């Protein structure tokens, strides 16, 4: 499976996604950034992380199942890169963009290896989400602790 690249430019689709769906899509895309598909560990981590995000705190198991079905349906209908561009454009404010970025760095870092291709992906995502280098480092430090880069 080829490594994931973020699309250049804006999405061809004008369909706005709900922020919850957008974050889940970015998470899934990030989990596949290593080119090896989505492992069960990454899938579990995504669902666990999303359940900890304030946006999802009132979600029941049925709500998560409905969200998953919606994301899978969108993935089947759209090109992944276009879908991610839509997702990024659908995040209404900084808090949502940062939640998407944190989701991405958690999933990319879950296997404790971040090769250059995944680092490039995270850098592209950071830029697309309009997160400054300084803020991105603060978020990384919060998630992984200050001892890691």
N, C-alpha and C. Protein backbone atom coordinates (compact mmCIF):
# COMPACT_ATOMS: atom_id res chain seq x y z
N UNK A 1 0.86 -1.18 0.00
CA UNK A 1 0.00 0.00 0.00
C UNK A 1 0.90 1.24 0.00
N UNK A 2 0.69 2.16 -0.92
CA UNK A 2 1.54 3.35 -0.97
C UNK A 2 1.30 4.26 0.22
N UNK A 3 2.35 5.02 0.55
CA UNK A 3 2.19 5.93 1.69
C UNK A 3 1.19 7.02 1.34
N UNK A 4 0.55 7.52 2.36
CA UNK A 4 -0.47 8.56 2.18
C UNK A 4 0.20 9.92 2.02
N UNK A 5 -0.37 10.71 1.15
CA UNK A 5 0.05 12.09 0.98
C UNK A 5 -1.19 12.96 1.11
N UNK A 6 -1.02 14.10 1.70
CA UNK A 6 -2.13 15.04 1.77
C UNK A 6 -2.32 15.68 0.41
N UNK A 7 -3.55 15.98 0.06
CA UNK A 7 -3.81 16.62 -1.22
C UNK A 7 -3.30 18.05 -1.21
N UNK A 8 -2.93 18.51 -2.38
CA UNK A 8 -2.52 19.90 -2.52
C UNK A 8 -3.74 20.70 -2.95
N UNK A 9 -3.97 21.81 -2.30
CA UNK A 9 -5.11 22.63 -2.67
C UNK A 9 -6.37 22.23 -1.94
N UNK A 10 -7.46 22.78 -2.38
CA UNK A 10 -8.75 22.57 -1.71
C UNK A 10 -9.46 21.36 -2.29
N UNK A 11 -10.41 20.87 -1.55
CA UNK A 11 -11.22 19.74 -1.97
C UNK A 11 -12.08 20.12 -3.16
N UNK A 12 -12.28 19.16 -4.07
CA UNK A 12 -13.16 19.40 -5.21
C UNK A 12 -14.62 19.39 -4.77
N UNK A 13 -14.90 18.78 -3.64
CA UNK A 13 -16.26 18.68 -3.14
C UNK A 13 -16.55 19.85 -2.20
N UNK A 14 -17.78 20.31 -2.25
CA UNK A 14 -18.15 21.41 -1.36
C UNK A 14 -18.95 20.91 -0.16
N UNK A 15 -19.03 19.59 -0.01
CA UNK A 15 -19.80 19.00 1.09
C UNK A 15 -19.04 19.19 2.39
N UNK A 16 -19.70 19.80 3.37
CA UNK A 16 -19.09 19.95 4.69
C UNK A 16 -19.41 18.71 5.51
N UNK A 17 -18.44 18.26 6.27
CA UNK A 17 -18.62 17.11 7.15
C UNK A 17 -18.82 17.60 8.57
N UNK A 18 -19.53 16.83 9.37
CA UNK A 18 -19.63 17.16 10.78
C UNK A 18 -18.22 17.06 11.37
N UNK A 19 -17.87 17.92 12.33
CA UNK A 19 -16.53 17.89 12.90
C UNK A 19 -16.13 16.51 13.44
N UNK A 20 -17.08 15.80 14.03
CA UNK A 20 -16.78 14.47 14.57
C UNK A 20 -16.34 13.53 13.46
N UNK A 21 -17.06 13.58 12.34
CA UNK A 21 -16.73 12.74 11.19
C UNK A 21 -15.38 13.16 10.62
N UNK A 22 -15.14 14.46 10.54
CA UNK A 22 -13.88 14.97 10.00
C UNK A 22 -12.69 14.48 10.83
N UNK A 23 -12.79 14.55 12.14
CA UNK A 23 -11.70 14.10 13.01
C UNK A 23 -11.47 12.60 12.85
N UNK A 24 -12.55 11.82 12.78
CA UNK A 24 -12.41 10.37 12.60
C UNK A 24 -11.75 10.04 11.27
N UNK A 25 -12.10 10.76 10.21
CA UNK A 25 -11.50 10.54 8.90
C UNK A 25 -10.01 10.85 8.94
N UNK A 26 -9.65 11.98 9.54
CA UNK A 26 -8.23 12.34 9.64
C UNK A 26 -7.49 11.29 10.47
N UNK A 27 -8.12 10.80 11.52
CA UNK A 27 -7.51 9.74 12.32
C UNK A 27 -7.26 8.48 11.52
N UNK A 28 -8.25 8.03 10.77
CA UNK A 28 -8.09 6.83 9.95
C UNK A 28 -7.02 7.02 8.88
N UNK A 29 -7.05 8.17 8.23
CA UNK A 29 -6.05 8.47 7.20
C UNK A 29 -4.65 8.47 7.81
N UNK A 30 -4.53 9.03 9.00
CA UNK A 30 -3.24 9.08 9.69
C UNK A 30 -2.76 7.69 10.07
N UNK A 31 -3.68 6.84 10.51
CA UNK A 31 -3.31 5.47 10.87
C UNK A 31 -2.76 4.72 9.67
N UNK A 32 -3.22 5.07 8.48
CA UNK A 32 -2.75 4.42 7.27
C UNK A 32 -1.55 5.12 6.65
N UNK A 33 -1.04 6.16 7.30
CA UNK A 33 0.06 6.96 6.74
C UNK A 33 1.33 6.16 6.55
N UNK A 34 1.48 5.06 7.29
CA UNK A 34 2.68 4.24 7.15
C UNK A 34 2.64 3.34 5.93
N UNK A 35 1.53 3.36 5.20
CA UNK A 35 1.41 2.55 4.00
C UNK A 35 1.09 1.10 4.28
N UNK A 36 0.85 0.77 5.54
CA UNK A 36 0.60 -0.62 5.92
C UNK A 36 -0.86 -0.86 6.29
N UNK A 37 -1.74 0.04 5.91
CA UNK A 37 -3.14 -0.12 6.27
C UNK A 37 -3.36 0.24 7.73
N UNK A 38 -4.51 -0.11 8.24
CA UNK A 38 -4.87 0.24 9.62
C UNK A 38 -4.85 -1.03 10.45
N UNK A 39 -3.95 -1.06 11.42
CA UNK A 39 -3.84 -2.24 12.28
C UNK A 39 -4.95 -2.23 13.32
N UNK A 40 -5.19 -3.39 13.91
CA UNK A 40 -6.21 -3.46 14.96
C UNK A 40 -5.81 -2.60 16.15
N UNK A 41 -4.50 -2.48 16.41
CA UNK A 41 -4.02 -1.61 17.49
C UNK A 41 -4.37 -0.16 17.20
N UNK A 42 -4.14 0.27 15.95
CA UNK A 42 -4.45 1.64 15.57
C UNK A 42 -5.96 1.89 15.61
N UNK A 43 -6.73 0.92 15.15
CA UNK A 43 -8.19 1.05 15.16
C UNK A 43 -8.71 1.19 16.59
N UNK A 44 -8.19 0.35 17.48
CA UNK A 44 -8.59 0.41 18.89
C UNK A 44 -8.17 1.75 19.50
N UNK A 45 -6.94 2.17 19.22
CA UNK A 45 -6.44 3.43 19.76
C UNK A 45 -7.29 4.60 19.30
N UNK A 46 -7.70 4.58 18.04
CA UNK A 46 -8.54 5.66 17.53
C UNK A 46 -9.86 5.72 18.29
N UNK A 47 -10.50 4.58 18.46
CA UNK A 47 -11.79 4.59 19.17
C UNK A 47 -11.61 5.00 20.63
N UNK A 48 -10.54 4.53 21.26
CA UNK A 48 -10.27 4.91 22.65
C UNK A 48 -9.98 6.40 22.77
N UNK A 49 -9.16 6.92 21.86
CA UNK A 49 -8.82 8.34 21.93
C UNK A 49 -10.06 9.19 21.69
N UNK A 50 -10.83 8.84 20.67
CA UNK A 50 -12.02 9.64 20.37
C UNK A 50 -12.97 9.67 21.55
N UNK A 51 -13.07 8.56 22.27
CA UNK A 51 -13.98 8.53 23.42
C UNK A 51 -13.51 9.45 24.55
N UNK A 52 -12.22 9.84 24.53
CA UNK A 52 -11.67 10.74 25.55
C UNK A 52 -11.76 12.21 25.16
N UNK A 53 -12.04 12.48 23.88
CA UNK A 53 -12.15 13.86 23.40
C UNK A 53 -13.50 14.41 23.83
N UNK A 54 -13.51 15.61 24.36
CA UNK A 54 -14.74 16.22 24.85
C UNK A 54 -15.88 16.18 23.85
N UNK A 55 -15.55 16.33 22.59
CA UNK A 55 -16.54 16.32 21.53
C UNK A 55 -17.31 15.00 21.49
N UNK A 56 -16.68 13.93 21.93
CA UNK A 56 -17.27 12.60 21.85
C UNK A 56 -17.69 12.04 23.21
N UNK A 57 -17.57 12.84 24.27
CA UNK A 57 -17.78 12.31 25.62
C UNK A 57 -19.19 11.78 25.86
N UNK A 58 -20.17 12.29 25.15
CA UNK A 58 -21.55 11.82 25.33
C UNK A 58 -21.93 10.73 24.33
N UNK A 59 -20.96 10.27 23.53
CA UNK A 59 -21.24 9.24 22.54
C UNK A 59 -21.44 7.89 23.21
N UNK A 60 -22.50 7.21 22.82
CA UNK A 60 -22.73 5.83 23.27
C UNK A 60 -22.05 4.88 22.28
N UNK A 61 -22.05 3.60 22.60
CA UNK A 61 -21.51 2.61 21.66
C UNK A 61 -22.26 2.68 20.33
N UNK A 62 -23.57 2.88 20.40
CA UNK A 62 -24.36 3.00 19.17
C UNK A 62 -23.96 4.22 18.36
N UNK A 63 -23.68 5.33 19.05
CA UNK A 63 -23.23 6.55 18.36
C UNK A 63 -21.90 6.31 17.65
N UNK A 64 -20.97 5.61 18.33
CA UNK A 64 -19.68 5.31 17.70
C UNK A 64 -19.86 4.38 16.51
N UNK A 65 -20.78 3.43 16.63
CA UNK A 65 -21.05 2.52 15.51
C UNK A 65 -21.62 3.29 14.33
N UNK A 66 -22.52 4.23 14.60
CA UNK A 66 -23.10 5.06 13.55
C UNK A 66 -22.02 5.93 12.90
N UNK A 67 -21.14 6.50 13.71
CA UNK A 67 -20.03 7.31 13.20
C UNK A 67 -19.14 6.45 12.30
N UNK A 68 -18.80 5.26 12.77
CA UNK A 68 -17.95 4.35 11.99
C UNK A 68 -18.61 4.02 10.65
N UNK A 69 -19.90 3.70 10.69
CA UNK A 69 -20.62 3.38 9.45
C UNK A 69 -20.59 4.55 8.48
N UNK A 70 -20.76 5.76 9.01
CA UNK A 70 -20.76 6.95 8.16
C UNK A 70 -19.39 7.16 7.53
N UNK A 71 -18.33 7.00 8.33
CA UNK A 71 -16.96 7.18 7.83
C UNK A 71 -16.65 6.13 6.76
N UNK A 72 -16.99 4.87 7.04
CA UNK A 72 -16.74 3.79 6.07
C UNK A 72 -17.49 4.07 4.77
N UNK A 73 -18.73 4.51 4.87
CA UNK A 73 -19.53 4.83 3.69
C UNK A 73 -18.86 5.95 2.87
N UNK A 74 -18.40 6.99 3.54
CA UNK A 74 -17.73 8.09 2.85
C UNK A 74 -16.44 7.63 2.19
N UNK A 75 -15.69 6.77 2.88
CA UNK A 75 -14.43 6.26 2.33
C UNK A 75 -14.70 5.45 1.06
N UNK A 76 -15.80 4.71 1.05
CA UNK A 76 -16.15 3.91 -0.12
C UNK A 76 -16.60 4.78 -1.29
N UNK A 77 -17.15 5.96 -1.01
CA UNK A 77 -17.70 6.83 -2.05
C UNK A 77 -16.70 7.84 -2.59
N UNK A 78 -15.71 8.21 -1.82
CA UNK A 78 -14.81 9.31 -2.18
C UNK A 78 -13.37 8.82 -2.26
N UNK A 79 -12.56 9.56 -2.99
CA UNK A 79 -11.12 9.32 -2.99
C UNK A 79 -10.59 9.72 -1.62
N UNK A 80 -9.71 8.91 -1.01
CA UNK A 80 -9.23 9.23 0.35
C UNK A 80 -8.64 10.63 0.47
N UNK A 81 -7.82 11.03 -0.50
CA UNK A 81 -7.19 12.35 -0.40
C UNK A 81 -8.22 13.47 -0.46
N UNK A 82 -9.25 13.30 -1.31
CA UNK A 82 -10.32 14.31 -1.39
C UNK A 82 -11.10 14.36 -0.08
N UNK A 83 -11.32 13.19 0.49
CA UNK A 83 -12.07 13.11 1.74
C UNK A 83 -11.31 13.80 2.87
N UNK A 84 -10.00 13.63 2.92
CA UNK A 84 -9.20 14.29 3.95
C UNK A 84 -9.23 15.80 3.75
N UNK A 85 -9.14 16.25 2.51
CA UNK A 85 -9.22 17.69 2.25
C UNK A 85 -10.56 18.24 2.73
N UNK A 86 -11.65 17.50 2.45
CA UNK A 86 -12.97 17.90 2.95
C UNK A 86 -12.97 17.95 4.47
N UNK A 87 -12.38 16.93 5.08
CA UNK A 87 -12.36 16.85 6.55
C UNK A 87 -11.64 18.06 7.14
N UNK A 88 -10.49 18.39 6.59
CA UNK A 88 -9.71 19.52 7.09
C UNK A 88 -10.52 20.81 6.96
N UNK A 89 -11.17 20.99 5.80
CA UNK A 89 -11.96 22.20 5.57
C UNK A 89 -13.20 22.26 6.47
N UNK A 90 -13.64 21.12 6.98
CA UNK A 90 -14.86 21.05 7.79
C UNK A 90 -14.63 21.33 9.27
N UNK A 91 -13.38 21.45 9.68
CA UNK A 91 -13.10 21.70 11.09
C UNK A 91 -13.30 23.19 11.36
N UNK A 92 -14.29 23.54 12.20
CA UNK A 92 -14.73 24.93 12.30
C UNK A 92 -13.82 25.87 13.09
N UNK A 93 -12.95 25.34 13.94
CA UNK A 93 -12.13 26.25 14.74
C UNK A 93 -10.85 25.56 15.21
N UNK A 94 -10.03 26.33 15.91
CA UNK A 94 -8.72 25.85 16.36
C UNK A 94 -8.82 24.61 17.24
N UNK A 95 -9.79 24.56 18.14
CA UNK A 95 -9.92 23.42 19.04
C UNK A 95 -10.14 22.12 18.26
N UNK A 96 -10.98 22.17 17.25
CA UNK A 96 -11.22 20.99 16.42
C UNK A 96 -9.98 20.63 15.62
N UNK A 97 -9.30 21.65 15.06
CA UNK A 97 -8.08 21.37 14.28
C UNK A 97 -7.02 20.74 15.17
N UNK A 98 -6.89 21.24 16.40
CA UNK A 98 -5.90 20.67 17.32
C UNK A 98 -6.29 19.25 17.73
N UNK A 99 -7.58 18.99 17.92
CA UNK A 99 -8.02 17.63 18.25
C UNK A 99 -7.68 16.68 17.11
N UNK A 100 -7.87 17.13 15.87
CA UNK A 100 -7.52 16.30 14.71
C UNK A 100 -6.02 16.05 14.66
N UNK A 101 -5.22 17.08 14.95
CA UNK A 101 -3.76 16.93 14.93
C UNK A 101 -3.30 15.97 16.02
N UNK A 102 -3.85 16.11 17.21
CA UNK A 102 -3.49 15.20 18.31
C UNK A 102 -3.87 13.77 17.96
N UNK A 103 -5.04 13.59 17.38
CA UNK A 103 -5.46 12.25 16.94
C UNK A 103 -4.43 11.68 15.97
N UNK A 104 -4.01 12.50 15.03
CA UNK A 104 -3.04 12.05 14.02
C UNK A 104 -1.70 11.69 14.65
N UNK A 105 -1.17 12.54 15.53
CA UNK A 105 0.15 12.23 16.09
C UNK A 105 0.09 11.01 17.00
N UNK A 106 -1.02 10.82 17.68
CA UNK A 106 -1.17 9.62 18.51
C UNK A 106 -1.15 8.36 17.65
N UNK A 107 -1.88 8.39 16.55
CA UNK A 107 -1.96 7.20 15.71
C UNK A 107 -0.68 6.94 14.95
N UNK A 108 -0.01 7.99 14.50
CA UNK A 108 1.26 7.81 13.80
C UNK A 108 2.32 7.29 14.78
N UNK A 109 2.27 7.77 16.02
CA UNK A 109 3.28 7.39 17.00
C UNK A 109 3.00 6.12 17.78
N UNK A 110 1.87 5.48 17.52
CA UNK A 110 1.46 4.34 18.34
C UNK A 110 2.42 3.16 18.25
N UNK A 111 3.05 2.99 17.09
CA UNK A 111 3.98 1.87 16.95
C UNK A 111 5.40 2.26 17.38
N UNK A 112 5.53 3.45 17.96
CA UNK A 112 6.78 3.98 18.50
C UNK A 112 7.87 4.15 17.44
N UNK A 113 7.48 4.13 16.19
CA UNK A 113 8.40 4.40 15.09
C UNK A 113 7.76 5.48 14.22
N UNK A 114 8.51 6.52 13.94
CA UNK A 114 8.00 7.57 13.06
C UNK A 114 9.04 7.81 11.98
N UNK A 115 8.96 7.01 10.90
CA UNK A 115 9.91 7.20 9.81
C UNK A 115 9.70 8.54 9.12
N UNK A 116 10.65 8.91 8.28
CA UNK A 116 10.60 10.21 7.61
C UNK A 116 9.29 10.42 6.86
N UNK A 117 8.78 9.37 6.21
CA UNK A 117 7.54 9.53 5.44
C UNK A 117 6.37 9.92 6.34
N UNK A 118 6.29 9.32 7.53
CA UNK A 118 5.22 9.68 8.46
C UNK A 118 5.46 11.06 9.05
N UNK A 119 6.73 11.41 9.30
CA UNK A 119 7.05 12.75 9.80
C UNK A 119 6.65 13.80 8.76
N UNK A 120 6.93 13.50 7.49
CA UNK A 120 6.53 14.41 6.41
C UNK A 120 5.02 14.58 6.38
N UNK A 121 4.30 13.47 6.54
CA UNK A 121 2.84 13.52 6.55
C UNK A 121 2.34 14.41 7.70
N UNK A 122 2.90 14.21 8.89
CA UNK A 122 2.48 15.01 10.06
C UNK A 122 2.79 16.49 9.83
N UNK A 123 3.93 16.78 9.22
CA UNK A 123 4.28 18.18 8.93
C UNK A 123 3.29 18.79 7.94
N UNK A 124 2.92 18.02 6.91
CA UNK A 124 1.94 18.50 5.93
C UNK A 124 0.58 18.72 6.60
N UNK A 125 0.20 17.78 7.46
CA UNK A 125 -1.08 17.91 8.15
C UNK A 125 -1.07 19.14 9.06
N UNK A 126 0.02 19.34 9.78
CA UNK A 126 0.14 20.51 10.66
C UNK A 126 -0.06 21.79 9.85
N UNK A 127 0.57 21.86 8.69
CA UNK A 127 0.43 23.05 7.85
C UNK A 127 -1.01 23.20 7.35
N UNK A 128 -1.60 22.09 6.90
CA UNK A 128 -2.97 22.13 6.39
C UNK A 128 -3.97 22.54 7.47
N UNK A 129 -3.67 22.16 8.72
CA UNK A 129 -4.55 22.51 9.85
C UNK A 129 -4.24 23.90 10.42
N UNK A 130 -3.24 24.56 9.84
CA UNK A 130 -2.85 25.90 10.26
C UNK A 130 -2.44 25.95 11.74
N UNK A 131 -1.59 25.01 12.11
CA UNK A 131 -1.06 24.96 13.47
C UNK A 131 0.41 25.37 13.39
N UNK A 132 0.79 26.37 14.18
CA UNK A 132 2.17 26.86 14.14
C UNK A 132 3.14 25.79 14.63
N UNK A 133 4.41 25.93 14.25
CA UNK A 133 5.44 24.98 14.71
C UNK A 133 5.51 24.98 16.24
N UNK A 134 5.44 26.16 16.83
CA UNK A 134 5.51 26.27 18.29
C UNK A 134 4.35 25.54 18.96
N UNK A 135 3.14 25.77 18.45
CA UNK A 135 1.96 25.11 19.04
C UNK A 135 2.00 23.60 18.79
N UNK A 136 2.45 23.20 17.61
CA UNK A 136 2.56 21.76 17.32
C UNK A 136 3.51 21.09 18.31
N UNK A 137 4.63 21.75 18.60
CA UNK A 137 5.57 21.17 19.56
C UNK A 137 4.96 21.10 20.96
N UNK A 138 4.20 22.12 21.34
CA UNK A 138 3.50 22.08 22.64
C UNK A 138 2.55 20.89 22.71
N UNK A 139 1.81 20.66 21.63
CA UNK A 139 0.86 19.54 21.60
C UNK A 139 1.60 18.20 21.66
N UNK A 140 2.69 18.09 20.92
CA UNK A 140 3.49 16.86 20.94
C UNK A 140 4.03 16.62 22.35
N UNK A 141 4.53 17.69 22.99
CA UNK A 141 5.05 17.56 24.36
C UNK A 141 3.95 17.13 25.33
N UNK A 142 2.75 17.69 25.15
CA UNK A 142 1.63 17.31 26.02
C UNK A 142 1.27 15.84 25.85
N UNK A 143 1.30 15.37 24.62
CA UNK A 143 0.88 14.00 24.32
C UNK A 143 1.95 12.98 24.70
N UNK A 144 3.19 13.25 24.32
CA UNK A 144 4.26 12.26 24.48
C UNK A 144 5.23 12.58 25.61
N UNK A 145 5.11 13.74 26.20
CA UNK A 145 6.07 14.13 27.23
C UNK A 145 7.23 14.86 26.60
N UNK A 146 7.87 15.69 27.37
CA UNK A 146 8.91 16.57 26.83
C UNK A 146 10.19 15.86 26.46
N UNK A 147 10.38 14.61 26.93
CA UNK A 147 11.63 13.92 26.63
C UNK A 147 11.71 13.46 25.18
N UNK A 148 10.57 13.39 24.48
CA UNK A 148 10.59 12.92 23.10
C UNK A 148 10.52 14.10 22.15
N UNK A 149 11.03 13.90 20.95
CA UNK A 149 10.96 14.92 19.90
C UNK A 149 9.82 14.62 18.98
